[in-house]
N, C-alpha and C. Protein backbone atom coordinates (compact mmCIF):
# COMPACT_ATOMS: atom_id res chain seq x y z
N MET A 1 -23.13 1.20 -6.12
CA MET A 1 -22.19 1.26 -5.01
C MET A 1 -20.78 0.94 -5.48
N GLU A 2 -20.66 -0.14 -6.30
CA GLU A 2 -19.34 -0.54 -6.79
C GLU A 2 -18.73 0.54 -7.67
N ASP A 3 -19.57 1.21 -8.51
CA ASP A 3 -19.07 2.28 -9.35
C ASP A 3 -18.54 3.44 -8.52
N LYS A 4 -19.21 3.73 -7.39
CA LYS A 4 -18.78 4.81 -6.51
C LYS A 4 -17.42 4.49 -5.90
N ILE A 5 -17.23 3.25 -5.50
CA ILE A 5 -15.95 2.83 -4.91
C ILE A 5 -14.85 2.88 -5.96
N MET A 6 -15.12 2.31 -7.12
CA MET A 6 -14.10 2.25 -8.18
C MET A 6 -13.77 3.64 -8.72
N SER A 7 -14.70 4.59 -8.66
CA SER A 7 -14.43 5.93 -9.17
C SER A 7 -13.43 6.68 -8.30
N LYS A 8 -13.22 6.23 -7.07
CA LYS A 8 -12.25 6.88 -6.18
C LYS A 8 -10.82 6.50 -6.52
N PHE A 9 -10.63 5.38 -7.20
CA PHE A 9 -9.28 4.93 -7.54
C PHE A 9 -8.83 5.56 -8.85
N ASN A 10 -7.59 6.02 -8.88
CA ASN A 10 -7.00 6.57 -10.09
C ASN A 10 -5.84 5.66 -10.46
N LEU A 11 -6.07 4.69 -11.31
CA LEU A 11 -5.06 3.71 -11.65
C LEU A 11 -3.97 4.26 -12.55
N ASN A 12 -4.19 5.43 -13.14
CA ASN A 12 -3.17 6.03 -14.01
C ASN A 12 -1.92 6.41 -13.23
N GLY A 13 -2.06 6.78 -11.97
CA GLY A 13 -0.92 7.21 -11.19
C GLY A 13 -0.32 6.13 -10.31
N VAL A 14 -0.81 4.91 -10.41
CA VAL A 14 -0.33 3.82 -9.55
C VAL A 14 0.97 3.27 -10.15
N THR A 15 1.98 3.13 -9.32
CA THR A 15 3.27 2.64 -9.78
C THR A 15 3.31 1.12 -9.82
N LYS A 16 4.28 0.58 -10.55
CA LYS A 16 4.47 -0.87 -10.60
C LYS A 16 4.81 -1.39 -9.21
N GLU A 17 5.57 -0.61 -8.46
CA GLU A 17 5.96 -1.00 -7.10
C GLU A 17 4.74 -1.17 -6.21
N ALA A 18 3.76 -0.28 -6.35
CA ALA A 18 2.54 -0.38 -5.55
C ALA A 18 1.75 -1.63 -5.91
N VAL A 19 1.66 -1.94 -7.20
CA VAL A 19 0.92 -3.13 -7.64
C VAL A 19 1.61 -4.39 -7.13
N VAL A 20 2.94 -4.45 -7.27
CA VAL A 20 3.69 -5.63 -6.80
C VAL A 20 3.53 -5.79 -5.29
N GLY A 21 3.61 -4.69 -4.55
CA GLY A 21 3.46 -4.76 -3.10
C GLY A 21 2.10 -5.27 -2.68
N ILE A 22 1.05 -4.78 -3.33
CA ILE A 22 -0.30 -5.22 -3.00
C ILE A 22 -0.50 -6.68 -3.38
N LEU A 23 0.01 -7.09 -4.54
CA LEU A 23 -0.12 -8.50 -4.95
C LEU A 23 0.63 -9.43 -4.00
N LEU A 24 1.82 -9.03 -3.54
CA LEU A 24 2.56 -9.84 -2.58
C LEU A 24 1.81 -9.95 -1.26
N LEU A 25 1.18 -8.86 -0.84
CA LEU A 25 0.42 -8.90 0.40
C LEU A 25 -0.78 -9.84 0.26
N VAL A 26 -1.48 -9.78 -0.87
CA VAL A 26 -2.60 -10.68 -1.09
C VAL A 26 -2.12 -12.13 -1.09
N LEU A 27 -0.99 -12.39 -1.76
CA LEU A 27 -0.42 -13.74 -1.78
C LEU A 27 -0.08 -14.22 -0.37
N ALA A 28 0.49 -13.34 0.44
CA ALA A 28 0.83 -13.70 1.81
C ALA A 28 -0.42 -13.99 2.63
N LEU A 29 -1.46 -13.20 2.42
CA LEU A 29 -2.71 -13.44 3.15
C LEU A 29 -3.37 -14.75 2.74
N VAL A 30 -3.36 -15.06 1.44
CA VAL A 30 -3.90 -16.33 0.97
C VAL A 30 -3.09 -17.49 1.54
N ASN A 31 -1.76 -17.35 1.52
CA ASN A 31 -0.89 -18.38 2.07
C ASN A 31 -1.17 -18.62 3.55
N ALA A 32 -1.31 -17.53 4.32
CA ALA A 32 -1.58 -17.66 5.75
C ALA A 32 -2.94 -18.31 6.00
N THR A 33 -3.93 -17.95 5.18
CA THR A 33 -5.26 -18.54 5.32
C THR A 33 -5.22 -20.04 5.04
N LEU A 34 -4.53 -20.43 3.97
CA LEU A 34 -4.40 -21.85 3.65
C LEU A 34 -3.66 -22.60 4.76
N GLN A 35 -2.65 -21.96 5.34
CA GLN A 35 -1.92 -22.57 6.46
C GLN A 35 -2.85 -22.82 7.64
N MET A 36 -3.75 -21.85 7.90
CA MET A 36 -4.68 -22.00 9.02
C MET A 36 -5.58 -23.22 8.84
N PHE A 37 -5.90 -23.55 7.61
CA PHE A 37 -6.76 -24.69 7.32
C PHE A 37 -5.98 -25.97 7.03
N GLY A 38 -4.68 -25.94 7.31
CA GLY A 38 -3.86 -27.13 7.21
C GLY A 38 -3.40 -27.49 5.81
N MET A 39 -3.52 -26.57 4.88
CA MET A 39 -3.05 -26.82 3.51
C MET A 39 -1.70 -26.16 3.32
N SER A 40 -0.66 -26.94 3.20
CA SER A 40 0.70 -26.42 3.06
C SER A 40 0.97 -26.02 1.62
N VAL A 41 1.21 -24.75 1.40
CA VAL A 41 1.49 -24.24 0.06
C VAL A 41 2.97 -24.43 -0.27
N LEU A 42 3.80 -24.25 0.73
CA LEU A 42 5.24 -24.40 0.53
C LEU A 42 5.61 -25.88 0.61
N PRO A 43 6.43 -26.37 -0.33
CA PRO A 43 6.74 -27.82 -0.36
C PRO A 43 7.78 -28.24 0.68
N ILE A 44 7.44 -28.05 1.96
CA ILE A 44 8.33 -28.43 3.05
C ILE A 44 7.54 -29.35 3.97
N ASN A 45 8.11 -30.50 4.31
CA ASN A 45 7.39 -31.47 5.13
C ASN A 45 7.27 -31.06 6.58
N ASN A 46 8.26 -30.43 7.11
CA ASN A 46 8.24 -30.06 8.51
C ASN A 46 7.27 -28.91 8.73
N GLU A 47 6.18 -29.19 9.46
CA GLU A 47 5.12 -28.20 9.64
C GLU A 47 5.60 -26.95 10.36
N ASP A 48 6.48 -27.09 11.31
CA ASP A 48 6.99 -25.93 12.05
C ASP A 48 7.76 -24.98 11.14
N VAL A 49 8.59 -25.53 10.25
CA VAL A 49 9.36 -24.70 9.33
C VAL A 49 8.42 -23.97 8.38
N THR A 50 7.41 -24.67 7.89
CA THR A 50 6.43 -24.06 7.00
C THR A 50 5.71 -22.91 7.68
N ASP A 51 5.31 -23.12 8.93
CA ASP A 51 4.62 -22.06 9.67
C ASP A 51 5.51 -20.84 9.84
N VAL A 52 6.77 -21.07 10.18
CA VAL A 52 7.71 -19.96 10.38
C VAL A 52 7.92 -19.19 9.08
N ILE A 53 8.14 -19.90 8.00
CA ILE A 53 8.35 -19.24 6.71
C ILE A 53 7.10 -18.46 6.29
N SER A 54 5.93 -19.06 6.46
CA SER A 54 4.69 -18.38 6.11
C SER A 54 4.49 -17.12 6.94
N MET A 55 4.77 -17.22 8.23
CA MET A 55 4.60 -16.06 9.10
C MET A 55 5.61 -14.96 8.75
N LEU A 56 6.86 -15.32 8.47
CA LEU A 56 7.86 -14.33 8.08
C LEU A 56 7.47 -13.65 6.77
N PHE A 57 6.93 -14.43 5.83
CA PHE A 57 6.48 -13.89 4.56
C PHE A 57 5.34 -12.89 4.79
N LEU A 58 4.39 -13.26 5.63
CA LEU A 58 3.27 -12.38 5.93
C LEU A 58 3.74 -11.12 6.65
N ILE A 59 4.57 -11.26 7.66
CA ILE A 59 5.08 -10.10 8.40
C ILE A 59 5.89 -9.19 7.48
N GLY A 60 6.72 -9.78 6.63
CA GLY A 60 7.54 -8.99 5.72
C GLY A 60 6.72 -8.19 4.73
N THR A 61 5.76 -8.84 4.08
CA THR A 61 4.97 -8.13 3.08
C THR A 61 4.03 -7.11 3.72
N ALA A 62 3.46 -7.44 4.87
CA ALA A 62 2.58 -6.49 5.56
C ALA A 62 3.37 -5.27 6.04
N SER A 63 4.56 -5.50 6.58
CA SER A 63 5.40 -4.39 7.05
C SER A 63 5.82 -3.50 5.89
N TRP A 64 6.22 -4.12 4.79
CA TRP A 64 6.66 -3.37 3.62
C TRP A 64 5.52 -2.52 3.07
N ASN A 65 4.31 -3.10 3.00
CA ASN A 65 3.17 -2.35 2.48
C ASN A 65 2.74 -1.23 3.42
N CYS A 66 2.89 -1.43 4.72
CA CYS A 66 2.56 -0.36 5.67
C CYS A 66 3.59 0.76 5.60
N TRP A 67 4.83 0.41 5.36
CA TRP A 67 5.91 1.40 5.33
C TRP A 67 5.83 2.27 4.09
N LYS A 68 5.49 1.66 2.96
CA LYS A 68 5.42 2.40 1.70
C LYS A 68 4.14 3.21 1.64
N ASN A 69 4.22 4.34 0.95
CA ASN A 69 3.06 5.20 0.77
C ASN A 69 2.34 4.77 -0.50
N ARG A 70 1.16 4.21 -0.36
CA ARG A 70 0.38 3.72 -1.50
C ARG A 70 -0.65 4.77 -1.90
N ASN A 71 -0.35 5.50 -2.96
CA ASN A 71 -1.25 6.54 -3.44
C ASN A 71 -2.18 5.97 -4.50
N LEU A 72 -3.35 5.50 -4.08
CA LEU A 72 -4.28 4.85 -5.00
C LEU A 72 -5.42 5.76 -5.43
N THR A 73 -5.64 6.87 -4.73
CA THR A 73 -6.72 7.78 -5.11
C THR A 73 -6.14 9.04 -5.75
N LYS A 74 -6.98 9.73 -6.49
CA LYS A 74 -6.55 10.98 -7.14
C LYS A 74 -6.11 11.99 -6.09
N ALA A 75 -6.87 12.08 -4.99
CA ALA A 75 -6.53 13.04 -3.93
C ALA A 75 -5.17 12.74 -3.32
N SER A 76 -4.89 11.46 -3.06
CA SER A 76 -3.59 11.11 -2.45
C SER A 76 -2.45 11.34 -3.42
N GLN A 77 -2.69 11.13 -4.71
CA GLN A 77 -1.65 11.38 -5.72
C GLN A 77 -1.34 12.87 -5.83
N GLU A 78 -2.39 13.71 -5.76
CA GLU A 78 -2.19 15.16 -5.79
C GLU A 78 -1.46 15.63 -4.53
N ALA A 79 -1.83 15.06 -3.39
CA ALA A 79 -1.16 15.42 -2.14
C ALA A 79 0.31 15.02 -2.19
N GLN A 80 0.61 13.87 -2.79
CA GLN A 80 2.00 13.43 -2.92
C GLN A 80 2.77 14.38 -3.84
N ALA A 81 2.11 14.85 -4.90
CA ALA A 81 2.76 15.80 -5.81
C ALA A 81 3.12 17.09 -5.08
N ILE A 82 2.22 17.57 -4.22
CA ILE A 82 2.50 18.77 -3.43
C ILE A 82 3.65 18.51 -2.46
N THR A 83 3.63 17.34 -1.82
CA THR A 83 4.71 16.97 -0.90
C THR A 83 6.04 16.93 -1.62
N ASP A 84 6.06 16.34 -2.82
CA ASP A 84 7.29 16.28 -3.61
C ASP A 84 7.77 17.67 -3.99
N MET A 85 6.83 18.57 -4.32
CA MET A 85 7.20 19.95 -4.66
C MET A 85 7.83 20.65 -3.46
N ILE A 86 7.30 20.40 -2.27
CA ILE A 86 7.87 21.00 -1.05
C ILE A 86 9.28 20.45 -0.83
N LYS A 87 9.45 19.13 -0.98
CA LYS A 87 10.75 18.52 -0.77
C LYS A 87 11.78 19.02 -1.78
N ASN A 88 11.34 19.29 -3.01
CA ASN A 88 12.25 19.75 -4.06
C ASN A 88 12.47 21.26 -4.03
N GLY A 89 11.83 21.96 -3.09
CA GLY A 89 12.00 23.40 -2.97
C GLY A 89 11.24 24.20 -4.01
N GLU A 90 10.29 23.59 -4.70
CA GLU A 90 9.51 24.28 -5.73
C GLU A 90 8.41 25.13 -5.13
N ILE A 91 7.99 24.80 -3.92
CA ILE A 91 6.93 25.54 -3.22
C ILE A 91 7.25 25.49 -1.73
N LEU A 92 6.85 26.53 -1.02
CA LEU A 92 7.11 26.59 0.42
C LEU A 92 5.91 26.07 1.21
N VAL A 93 6.19 25.54 2.37
CA VAL A 93 5.14 25.05 3.26
C VAL A 93 4.19 26.19 3.61
N ASP A 94 4.75 27.39 3.81
CA ASP A 94 3.92 28.55 4.15
C ASP A 94 2.90 28.84 3.04
N ASP A 95 3.32 28.66 1.77
CA ASP A 95 2.40 28.89 0.65
C ASP A 95 1.24 27.89 0.70
N VAL A 96 1.54 26.64 0.99
CA VAL A 96 0.51 25.62 1.07
C VAL A 96 -0.43 25.92 2.23
N GLU A 97 0.13 26.33 3.36
CA GLU A 97 -0.70 26.65 4.52
C GLU A 97 -1.63 27.82 4.24
N GLU A 98 -1.15 28.83 3.46
CA GLU A 98 -2.00 29.97 3.09
C GLU A 98 -3.17 29.51 2.22
N ILE A 99 -2.89 28.63 1.28
CA ILE A 99 -3.94 28.12 0.39
C ILE A 99 -4.98 27.35 1.21
N ILE A 100 -4.52 26.51 2.12
CA ILE A 100 -5.44 25.74 2.96
C ILE A 100 -6.29 26.68 3.82
N ALA A 101 -5.66 27.72 4.38
CA ALA A 101 -6.38 28.67 5.22
C ALA A 101 -7.47 29.37 4.42
N LYS A 102 -7.24 29.68 3.14
CA LYS A 102 -8.25 30.34 2.31
C LYS A 102 -9.47 29.44 2.11
N PHE A 103 -9.26 28.14 1.99
CA PHE A 103 -10.36 27.22 1.78
C PHE A 103 -11.15 26.96 3.07
N LYS A 104 -10.51 27.14 4.21
CA LYS A 104 -11.18 26.89 5.48
C LYS A 104 -12.12 28.04 5.86
N LYS A 105 -11.95 29.20 5.25
CA LYS A 105 -12.78 30.37 5.60
C LYS A 105 -14.17 30.25 5.08
């Protein structure tokens, strides 16, 4: 089962930005979890300030990761390449639609 899941990921096409974003999100989630159990990770005595900073950190990293397009699979990386080709004028949307229509038949 684990091999099947890991085979879907194509780490060759993953950018540094994607890795940093995912690591920051994991850090924010760990920080929020520790806060829930009363363990202050940030060295601030005032509990209210710590909660606010932790929540802002979590909201910021979650929003940033949702906003960015994380292409972690081979299929998503290929789709992004096609999207980039359309944006750069290398291929027309009509051409892509024709190809898709041929596969649907």
